[in-house]
PDB file of N, CA and C in Angstrom:
ATOM      1  N   UNK A   1     -52.177 -21.979 -19.787  1.00  0.00           N
ATOM      2  CA  UNK A   1     -50.943 -21.534 -21.137  1.00  0.00           C
ATOM      3  C   UNK A   1     -49.985 -22.724 -21.212  1.00  0.00           C
ATOM      4  N   UNK A   2     -49.564 -22.828 -22.723  1.00  0.00           N
ATOM      5  CA  UNK A   2     -48.418 -23.581 -22.374  1.00  0.00           C
ATOM      6  C   UNK A   2     -47.038 -22.954 -22.390  1.00  0.00           C
ATOM      7  N   UNK A   3     -46.523 -24.239 -21.211  1.00  0.00           N
ATOM      8  CA  UNK A   3     -45.086 -23.726 -21.253  1.00  0.00           C
ATOM      9  C   UNK A   3     -43.772 -22.972 -22.238  1.00  0.00           C
ATOM     10  N   UNK A   4     -44.100 -23.499 -23.319  1.00  0.00           N
ATOM     11  CA  UNK A   4     -43.760 -22.496 -24.370  1.00  0.00           C
ATOM     12  C   UNK A   4     -43.027 -21.292 -25.215  1.00  0.00           C
ATOM     13  N   UNK A   5     -44.666 -20.764 -25.071  1.00  0.00           N
ATOM     14  CA  UNK A   5     -45.674 -18.988 -24.902  1.00  0.00           C
ATOM     15  C   UNK A   5     -43.974 -18.735 -23.728  1.00  0.00           C
ATOM     16  N   UNK A   6     -44.304 -19.476 -22.326  1.00  0.00           N
ATOM     17  CA  UNK A   6     -44.122 -18.442 -21.098  1.00  0.00           C
ATOM     18  C   UNK A   6     -42.502 -18.228 -20.973  1.00  0.00           C
ATOM     19  N   UNK A   7     -41.986 -19.713 -21.339  1.00  0.00           N
ATOM     20  CA  UNK A   7     -40.676 -19.344 -21.911  1.00  0.00           C
ATOM     21  C   UNK A   7     -40.054 -18.261 -22.743  1.00  0.00           C
ATOM     22  N   UNK A   8     -40.764 -18.393 -23.687  1.00  0.00           N
ATOM     23  CA  UNK A   8     -40.430 -17.552 -24.274  1.00  0.00           C
ATOM     24  C   UNK A   8     -40.970 -15.565 -24.433  1.00  0.00           C
ATOM     25  N   UNK A   9     -41.809 -15.573 -23.666  1.00  0.00           N
ATOM     26  CA  UNK A   9     -42.076 -14.337 -23.165  1.00  0.00           C
ATOM     27  C   UNK A   9     -40.731 -14.549 -22.093  1.00  0.00           C
ATOM     28  N   UNK A  10     -40.174 -14.957 -21.123  1.00  0.00           N
ATOM     29  CA  UNK A  10     -39.273 -14.436 -19.924  1.00  0.00           C
ATOM     30  C   UNK A  10     -37.754 -14.279 -21.264  1.00  0.00           C
ATOM     31  N   UNK A  11     -37.891 -15.312 -22.297  1.00  0.00           N
ATOM     32  CA  UNK A  11     -36.010 -14.957 -22.339  1.00  0.00           C
ATOM     33  C   UNK A  11     -36.341 -13.758 -23.143  1.00  0.00           C
ATOM     34  N   UNK A  12     -37.658 -13.259 -24.042  1.00  0.00           N
ATOM     35  CA  UNK A  12     -37.716 -12.419 -24.705  1.00  0.00           C
ATOM     36  C   UNK A  12     -37.457 -11.449 -24.137  1.00  0.00           C
ATOM     37  N   UNK A  13     -37.872 -11.516 -22.861  1.00  0.00           N
ATOM     38  CA  UNK A  13     -37.962 -10.022 -21.702  1.00  0.00           C
ATOM     39  C   UNK A  13     -36.487  -9.876 -20.823  1.00  0.00           C
ATOM     40  N   UNK A  14     -35.909 -10.733 -20.106  1.00  0.00           N
ATOM     41  CA  UNK A  14     -34.713 -10.686 -19.857  1.00  0.00           C
ATOM     42  C   UNK A  14     -33.794  -9.998 -21.043  1.00  0.00           C
ATOM     43  N   UNK A  15     -33.445 -10.912 -22.372  1.00  0.00           N
ATOM     44  CA  UNK A  15     -32.834 -10.305 -23.527  1.00  0.00           C
ATOM     45  C   UNK A  15     -33.023  -8.438 -23.696  1.00  0.00           C
ATOM     46  N   UNK A  16     -34.399  -8.418 -23.796  1.00  0.00           N
ATOM     47  CA  UNK A  16     -34.629  -6.856 -23.740  1.00  0.00           C
ATOM     48  C   UNK A  16     -34.248  -5.582 -23.127  1.00  0.00           C
ATOM     49  N   UNK A  17     -34.077  -6.425 -21.155  1.00  0.00           N
ATOM     50  CA  UNK A  17     -33.465  -5.637 -19.987  1.00  0.00           C
ATOM     51  C   UNK A  17     -31.915  -6.082 -20.195  1.00  0.00           C
ATOM     52  N   UNK A  18     -31.796  -6.735 -20.527  1.00  0.00           N
ATOM     53  CA  UNK A  18     -29.507  -6.559 -20.933  1.00  0.00           C
ATOM     54  C   UNK A  18     -29.219  -6.129 -22.090  1.00  0.00           C
ATOM     55  N   UNK A  19     -30.024  -5.322 -23.295  1.00  0.00           N
ATOM     56  CA  UNK A  19     -30.166  -4.392 -24.163  1.00  0.00           C
ATOM     57  C   UNK A  19     -30.739  -3.546 -23.473  1.00  0.00           C
ATOM     58  N   UNK A  20     -30.971  -2.934 -22.799  1.00  0.00           N
ATOM     59  CA  UNK A  20     -31.399  -2.099 -22.645  1.00  0.00           C
ATOM     60  C   UNK A  20     -30.104  -1.287 -21.285  1.00  0.00           C
ATOM     61  N   UNK A  21     -30.049  -2.527 -20.216  1.00  0.00           N
ATOM     62  CA  UNK A  21     -28.136  -2.206 -19.841  1.00  0.00           C
ATOM     63  C   UNK A  21     -27.529  -2.198 -20.009  1.00  0.00           C
ATOM     64  N   UNK A  22     -27.545  -2.921 -21.528  1.00  0.00           N
ATOM     65  CA  UNK A  22     -25.115  -3.010 -21.698  1.00  0.00           C
ATOM     66  C   UNK A  22     -25.530  -1.529 -21.800  1.00  0.00           C
ATOM     67  N   UNK A  23     -25.375  -0.256 -22.880  1.00  0.00           N
ATOM     68  CA  UNK A  23     -24.353   0.592 -22.624  1.00  0.00           C
ATOM     69  C   UNK A  23     -24.175   1.088 -22.400  1.00  0.00           C
ATOM     70  N   UNK A  24     -25.069   1.924 -20.353  1.00  0.00           N
ATOM     71  CA  UNK A  24     -24.647   2.089 -19.394  1.00  0.00           C
ATOM     72  C   UNK A  24     -23.600   1.903 -18.507  1.00  0.00           C
ATOM     73  N   UNK A  25     -23.611   0.207 -18.657  1.00  0.00           N
ATOM     74  CA  UNK A  25     -22.394  -0.621 -18.042  1.00  0.00           C
ATOM     75  C   UNK A  25     -21.571  -0.578 -18.708  1.00  0.00           C
ATOM     76  N   UNK A  26     -21.484  -0.590 -19.831  1.00  0.00           N
ATOM     77  CA  UNK A  26     -20.312  -0.462 -21.027  1.00  0.00           C
ATOM     78  C   UNK A  26     -19.443   1.006 -21.038  1.00  0.00           C
ATOM     79  N   UNK A  27     -19.819   1.590 -21.384  1.00  0.00           N
ATOM     80  CA  UNK A  27     -19.651   3.471 -20.697  1.00  0.00           C
ATOM     81  C   UNK A  27     -19.627   3.428 -19.698  1.00  0.00           C
ATOM     82  N   UNK A  28     -19.744   3.400 -18.653  1.00  0.00           N
ATOM     83  CA  UNK A  28     -19.553   3.463 -17.042  1.00  0.00           C
ATOM     84  C   UNK A  28     -18.117   2.837 -16.311  1.00  0.00           C
ATOM     85  N   UNK A  29     -18.215   0.823 -17.138  1.00  0.00           N
ATOM     86  CA  UNK A  29     -16.769   0.104 -17.028  1.00  0.00           C
ATOM     87  C   UNK A  29     -15.571   1.516 -17.652  1.00  0.00           C
ATOM     88  N   UNK A  30     -15.939   1.320 -18.836  1.00  0.00           N
ATOM     89  CA  UNK A  30     -15.000   2.248 -19.462  1.00  0.00           C
ATOM     90  C   UNK A  30     -13.999   3.420 -18.329  1.00  0.00           C
ATOM     91  N   UNK A  31     -15.764   4.523 -18.643  1.00  0.00           N
ATOM     92  CA  UNK A  31     -15.083   5.355 -18.458  1.00  0.00           C
ATOM     93  C   UNK A  31     -13.951   5.619 -16.407  1.00  0.00           C
ATOM     94  N   UNK A  32     -14.785   4.600 -15.765  1.00  0.00           N
ATOM     95  CA  UNK A  32     -14.566   3.927 -14.331  1.00  0.00           C
ATOM     96  C   UNK A  32     -13.027   3.208 -14.758  1.00  0.00           C
ATOM     97  N   UNK A  33     -12.463   3.110 -15.533  1.00  0.00           N
ATOM     98  CA  UNK A  33     -11.076   1.863 -15.879  1.00  0.00           C
ATOM     99  C   UNK A  33     -10.127   3.593 -16.555  1.00  0.00           C
ATOM    100  N   UNK A  34     -10.847   5.019 -16.772  1.00  0.00           N
ATOM    101  CA  UNK A  34     -10.275   5.697 -17.261  1.00  0.00           C
ATOM    102  C   UNK A  34      -9.870   6.166 -15.880  1.00  0.00           C
ATOM    103  N   UNK A  35     -10.214   6.773 -15.542  1.00  0.00           N
ATOM    104  CA  UNK A  35     -10.597   7.642 -13.936  1.00  0.00           C
ATOM    105  C   UNK A  35      -9.625   6.776 -12.741  1.00  0.00           C
ATOM    106  N   UNK A  36      -9.583   5.448 -12.886  1.00  0.00           N
ATOM    107  CA  UNK A  36      -8.475   4.656 -12.304  1.00  0.00           C
ATOM    108  C   UNK A  36      -7.555   5.066 -12.984  1.00  0.00           C
ATOM    109  N   UNK A  37      -7.392   4.580 -14.053  1.00  0.00           N
ATOM    110  CA  UNK A  37      -6.081   4.961 -14.886  1.00  0.00           C
ATOM    111  C   UNK A  37      -5.082   6.308 -14.343  1.00  0.00           C
ATOM    112  N   UNK A  38      -5.943   7.391 -14.382  1.00  0.00           N
ATOM    113  CA  UNK A  38      -5.441   8.787 -14.056  1.00  0.00           C
ATOM    114  C   UNK A  38      -5.128   9.012 -12.360  1.00  0.00           C
ATOM    115  N   UNK A  39      -6.065   7.786 -12.053  1.00  0.00           N
ATOM    116  CA  UNK A  39      -5.902   8.404 -10.753  1.00  0.00           C
ATOM    117  C   UNK A  39      -4.063   7.214  -9.877  1.00  0.00           C
ATOM    118  N   UNK A  40      -4.434   6.103 -11.166  1.00  0.00           N
ATOM    119  CA  UNK A  40      -3.169   5.694 -10.785  1.00  0.00           C
ATOM    120  C   UNK A  40      -1.582   6.043 -11.099  1.00  0.00           C
ATOM    121  N   UNK A  41      -2.095   7.303 -11.480  1.00  0.00           N
ATOM    122  CA  UNK A  41      -0.859   7.602 -12.446  1.00  0.00           C
ATOM    123  C   UNK A  41      -0.243   9.410 -12.238  1.00  0.00           C
ATOM    124  N   UNK A  42      -1.648  10.039 -11.421  1.00  0.00           N
ATOM    125  CA  UNK A  42      -1.395  11.066 -10.853  1.00  0.00           C
ATOM    126  C   UNK A  42      -0.763  10.872  -8.835  1.00  0.00           C
ATOM    127  N   UNK A  43      -1.753   9.655  -8.730  1.00  0.00           N
ATOM    128  CA  UNK A  43      -1.891   8.903  -7.853  1.00  0.00           C
ATOM    129  C   UNK A  43      -2.708  10.054  -6.525  1.00  0.00           C
ATOM    130  N   UNK A  44      -4.160  10.742  -6.851  1.00  0.00           N
ATOM    131  CA  UNK A  44      -5.076  10.851  -6.137  1.00  0.00           C
ATOM    132  C   UNK A  44      -5.716   9.891  -6.000  1.00  0.00           C
ATOM    133  N   UNK A  45      -5.513   9.911  -4.057  1.00  0.00           N
ATOM    134  CA  UNK A  45      -6.755   8.577  -3.343  1.00  0.00           C
ATOM    135  C   UNK A  45      -8.124   9.395  -3.235  1.00  0.00           C
ATOM    136  N   UNK A  46      -8.489   9.710  -4.183  1.00  0.00           N
ATOM    137  CA  UNK A  46      -9.945  11.112  -3.734  1.00  0.00           C
ATOM    138  C   UNK A  46     -11.263   9.043  -4.783  1.00  0.00           C
ATOM    139  N   UNK A  47     -11.578   8.634  -3.076  1.00  0.00           N
ATOM    140  CA  UNK A  47     -12.597   6.999  -3.406  1.00  0.00           C
ATOM    141  C   UNK A  47     -14.011   7.614  -3.617  1.00  0.00           C
ATOM    142  N   UNK A  48     -14.684   9.178  -4.106  1.00  0.00           N
ATOM    143  CA  UNK A  48     -15.311   9.489  -4.380  1.00  0.00           C
ATOM    144  C   UNK A  48     -15.670   9.689  -6.194  1.00  0.00           C
ATOM    145  N   UNK A  49     -14.226  10.034  -6.153  1.00  0.00           N
ATOM    146  CA  UNK A  49     -13.990  10.593  -8.107  1.00  0.00           C
ATOM    147  C   UNK A  49     -15.288  10.069  -8.560  1.00  0.00           C
ATOM    148  N   UNK A  50     -14.550   8.277  -8.839  1.00  0.00           N
ATOM    149  CA  UNK A  50     -15.237   7.418  -9.898  1.00  0.00           C
ATOM    150  C   UNK A  50     -16.788   7.560 -10.230  1.00  0.00           C
ATOM    151  N   UNK A  51     -17.078   6.738  -9.129  1.00  0.00           N
ATOM    152  CA  UNK A  51     -18.545   6.761  -8.450  1.00  0.00           C
ATOM    153  C   UNK A  51     -19.213   8.046  -8.588  1.00  0.00           C
ATOM    154  N   UNK A  52     -19.054   8.929  -8.474  1.00  0.00           N
ATOM    155  CA  UNK A  52     -19.539  10.517  -9.336  1.00  0.00           C
ATOM    156  C   UNK A  52     -19.697  10.433 -10.896  1.00  0.00           C
ATOM    157  N   UNK A  53     -18.633  10.106 -11.173  1.00  0.00           N
ATOM    158  CA  UNK A  53     -18.730  10.362 -12.887  1.00  0.00           C
ATOM    159  C   UNK A  53     -19.391   9.160 -13.319  1.00  0.00           C
ATOM    160  N   UNK A  54     -20.215   8.081 -12.856  1.00  0.00           N
ATOM    161  CA  UNK A  54     -19.797   7.056 -13.130  1.00  0.00           C
ATOM    162  C   UNK A  54     -21.518   7.437 -13.492  1.00  0.00           C
ATOM    163  N   UNK A  55     -21.637   7.726 -12.175  1.00  0.00           N
ATOM    164  CA  UNK A  55     -23.267   8.690 -12.346  1.00  0.00           C
ATOM    165  C   UNK A  55     -23.815   9.176 -13.181  1.00  0.00           C
ATOM    166  N   UNK A  56     -22.761   9.873 -13.289  1.00  0.00           N
ATOM    167  CA  UNK A  56     -23.041  11.223 -14.874  1.00  0.00           C
ATOM    168  C   UNK A  56     -23.431  10.341 -15.888  1.00  0.00           C
ATOM    169  N   UNK A  57     -22.341   9.783 -15.969  1.00  0.00           N
ATOM    170  CA  UNK A  57     -21.925   9.032 -17.352  1.00  0.00           C
ATOM    171  C   UNK A  57     -23.290   8.444 -17.809  1.00  0.00           C
ATOM    172  N   UNK A  58     -23.454   7.308 -16.789  1.00  0.00           N
ATOM    173  CA  UNK A  58     -24.479   6.608 -16.282  1.00  0.00           C
ATOM    174  C   UNK A  58     -26.633   7.228 -17.141  1.00  0.00           C
ATOM    175  N   UNK A  59     -26.664   8.465 -16.331  1.00  0.00           N
ATOM    176  CA  UNK A  59     -27.899   9.074 -16.774  1.00  0.00           C
ATOM    177  C   UNK A  59     -27.475  10.476 -17.712  1.00  0.00           C
ATOM    178  N   UNK A  60     -26.452  10.825 -18.523  1.00  0.00           N
ATOM    179  CA  UNK A  60     -26.534  11.177 -19.594  1.00  0.00           C
ATOM    180  C   UNK A  60     -26.697   9.997 -20.729  1.00  0.00           C
ATOM    181  N   UNK A  61     -26.762   9.098 -20.267  1.00  0.00           N
ATOM    182  CA  UNK A  61     -27.258   7.835 -21.722  1.00  0.00           C
ATOM    183  C   UNK A  61     -28.366   7.801 -21.493  1.00  0.00           C
ATOM    184  N   UNK A  62     -28.548   7.244 -20.318  1.00  0.00           N
ATOM    185  CA  UNK A  62     -30.269   7.053 -19.797  1.00  0.00           C
ATOM    186  C   UNK A  62     -31.020   8.243 -20.677  1.00  0.00           C
ATOM    187  N   UNK A  63     -30.971   9.389 -20.192  1.00  0.00           N
ATOM    188  CA  UNK A  63     -31.700  10.363 -20.796  1.00  0.00           C
ATOM    189  C   UNK A  63     -31.136  10.305 -22.192  1.00  0.00           C
ATOM    190  N   UNK A  64     -29.789  10.664 -22.797  1.00  0.00           N
ATOM    191  CA  UNK A  64     -29.372  10.019 -24.369  1.00  0.00           C
ATOM    192  C   UNK A  64     -30.698   9.901 -24.863  1.00  0.00           C
ATOM    193  N   UNK A  65     -29.949   8.005 -24.288  1.00  0.00           N
ATOM    194  CA  UNK A  65     -30.304   7.199 -25.248  1.00  0.00           C
ATOM    195  C   UNK A  65     -31.888   6.285 -24.398  1.00  0.00           C
ATOM    196  N   UNK A  66     -32.627   6.470 -23.738  1.00  0.00           N
ATOM    197  CA  UNK A  66     -32.997   6.050 -22.786  1.00  0.00           C
ATOM    198  C   UNK A  66     -34.719   5.246 -24.375  1.00  0.00           C
ATOM    199  N   UNK A  67     -35.511   6.665 -24.131  1.00  0.00           N
ATOM    200  CA  UNK A  67     -36.122   6.953 -25.014  1.00  0.00           C
ATOM    201  C   UNK A  67     -35.600   5.445 -26.264  1.00  0.00           C
ATOM    202  N   UNK A  68     -34.777   5.100 -27.316  1.00  0.00           N
ATOM    203  CA  UNK A  68     -33.864   4.339 -27.811  1.00  0.00           C
ATOM    204  C   UNK A  68     -33.693   2.916 -27.984  1.00  0.00           C
ATOM    205  N   UNK A  69     -33.821   2.972 -26.413  1.00  0.00           N
ATOM    206  CA  UNK A  69     -33.256   1.070 -26.094  1.00  0.00           C
ATOM    207  C   UNK A  69     -34.416   0.585 -24.841  1.00  0.00           C
ATOM    208  N   UNK A  70     -35.319   2.048 -24.674  1.00  0.00           N
ATOM    209  CA  UNK A  70     -36.914   1.472 -23.597  1.00  0.00           C
ATOM    210  C   UNK A  70     -37.670   1.389 -24.863  1.00  0.00           C
ATOM    211  N   UNK A  71     -37.891   1.262 -26.225  1.00  0.00           N
ATOM    212  CA  UNK A  71     -38.737   0.919 -26.505  1.00  0.00           C
ATOM    213  C   UNK A  71     -39.056   0.037 -27.244  1.00  0.00           C
ATOM    214  N   UNK A  72     -38.181  -1.091 -27.192  1.00  0.00           N
ATOM    215  CA  UNK A  72     -38.888  -2.749 -27.187  1.00  0.00           C
ATOM    216  C   UNK A  72     -39.241  -3.344 -26.132  1.00  0.00           C
ATOM    217  N   UNK A  73     -38.913  -2.576 -24.944  1.00  0.00           N
ATOM    218  CA  UNK A  73     -39.732  -2.923 -23.741  1.00  0.00           C
ATOM    219  C   UNK A  73     -40.445  -3.292 -23.798  1.00  0.00           C
ATOM    220  N   UNK A  74     -41.051  -1.454 -23.785  1.00  0.00           N
ATOM    221  CA  UNK A  74     -42.414  -0.954 -24.042  1.00  0.00           C
ATOM    222  C   UNK A  74     -44.038  -1.823 -24.878  1.00  0.00           C
ATOM    223  N   UNK A  75     -43.280  -1.925 -26.293  1.00  0.00           N
ATOM    224  CA  UNK A  75     -43.454  -3.190 -27.061  1.00  0.00           C
ATOM    225  C   UNK A  75     -44.308  -4.420 -26.619  1.00  0.00           C
ATOM    226  N   UNK A  76     -42.981  -5.203 -25.731  1.00  0.00           N
ATOM    227  CA  UNK A  76     -43.035  -6.324 -25.894  1.00  0.00           C
ATOM    228  C   UNK A  76     -44.418  -6.314 -24.617  1.00  0.00           C
ATOM    229  N   UNK A  77     -43.989  -5.321 -23.645  1.00  0.00           N
ATOM    230  CA  UNK A  77     -45.567  -4.724 -22.391  1.00  0.00           C
ATOM    231  C   UNK A  77     -46.641  -4.958 -23.432  1.00  0.00           C
ATOM    232  N   UNK A  78     -46.424  -4.204 -24.160  1.00  0.00           N
ATOM    233  CA  UNK A  78     -48.347  -3.878 -24.786  1.00  0.00           C
ATOM    234  C   UNK A  78     -48.210  -4.872 -25.212  1.00  0.00           C
ATOM    235  N   UNK A  79     -47.380  -5.779 -25.781  1.00  0.00           N
ATOM    236  CA  UNK A  79     -47.861  -7.473 -26.210  1.00  0.00           C
ATOM    237  C   UNK A  79     -48.488  -7.863 -25.386  1.00  0.00           C
ATOM    238  N   UNK A  80     -47.952  -8.332 -24.622  1.00  0.00           N
ATOM    239  CA  UNK A  80     -48.566  -9.597 -23.227  1.00  0.00           C
ATOM    240  C   UNK A  80     -49.218  -8.821 -22.876  1.00  0.00           C
ATOM    241  N   UNK A  81     -49.730  -8.122 -22.797  1.00  0.00           N
ATOM    242  CA  UNK A  81     -50.834  -7.629 -21.588  1.00  0.00           C
ATOM    243  C   UNK A  81     -52.129  -7.347 -22.245  1.00  0.00           C
ATOM    244  N   UNK A  82     -51.689  -7.058 -24.058  1.00  0.00           N
ATOM    245  CA  UNK A  82     -53.439  -7.077 -24.710  1.00  0.00           C
ATOM    246  C   UNK A  82     -53.668  -8.719 -24.742  1.00  0.00           C
ATOM    247  N   UNK A  83     -52.301  -9.976 -25.118  1.00  0.00           N
ATOM    248  CA  UNK A  83     -52.647 -10.860 -25.077  1.00  0.00           C
ATOM    249  C   UNK A  83     -52.778 -11.674 -24.237  1.00  0.00           C
ATOM    250  N   UNK A  84     -53.383 -10.927 -22.531  1.00  0.00           N
ATOM    251  CA  UNK A  84     -53.173 -11.873 -21.413  1.00  0.00           C
ATOM    252  C   UNK A  84     -53.996 -12.743 -21.402  1.00  0.00           C
ATOM    253  N   UNK A  85     -55.517 -12.595 -22.041  1.00  0.00           N
ATOM    254  CA  UNK A  85     -56.432 -12.860 -21.834  1.00  0.00           C
ATOM    255  C   UNK A  85     -56.885 -14.091 -22.341  1.00  0.00           C
ATOM    256  N   UNK A  86     -55.867 -14.490 -23.235  1.00  0.00           N
ATOM    257  CA  UNK A  86     -55.907 -15.649 -24.542  1.00  0.00           C
ATOM    258  C   UNK A  86     -55.007 -16.528 -23.532  1.00  0.00           C
ATOM    259  N   UNK A  87     -54.227 -15.355 -23.081  1.00  0.00           N
ATOM    260  CA  UNK A  87     -52.733 -16.780 -21.881  1.00  0.00           C
ATOM    261  C   UNK A  87     -53.314 -17.464 -20.840  1.00  0.00           C
ATOM    262  N   UNK A  88     -54.316 -16.877 -20.007  1.00  0.00           N
ATOM    263  CA  UNK A  88     -54.964 -17.391 -19.421  1.00  0.00           C
ATOM    264  C   UNK A  88     -55.578 -18.448 -18.820  1.00  0.00           C
ATOM    265  N   UNK A  89     -56.504 -18.571 -20.502  1.00  0.00           N
ATOM    266  CA  UNK A  89     -57.552 -19.079 -20.799  1.00  0.00           C
ATOM    267  C   UNK A  89     -56.750 -21.155 -20.561  1.00  0.00           C
TER     268      UNK A  89
END
């Protein structure tokens, strides 16, 4: 297998994983900032509040948009596994 093909597959995999993980991370960061701001203003010292809300936000995003975010990963995986015999030669 030529190195360029392997590098191309690795690049495409990392790109698709970044696209998949970006929306939950951005929303979790925004929610954590807003909760931290709310806690600073009200002087609430509860430490589990931001983690609990972030878990729910990430779960909601993955359940709502998981299929559309993961479809490029599934397509790429199917292409890699279907062309694997030609790559090994």
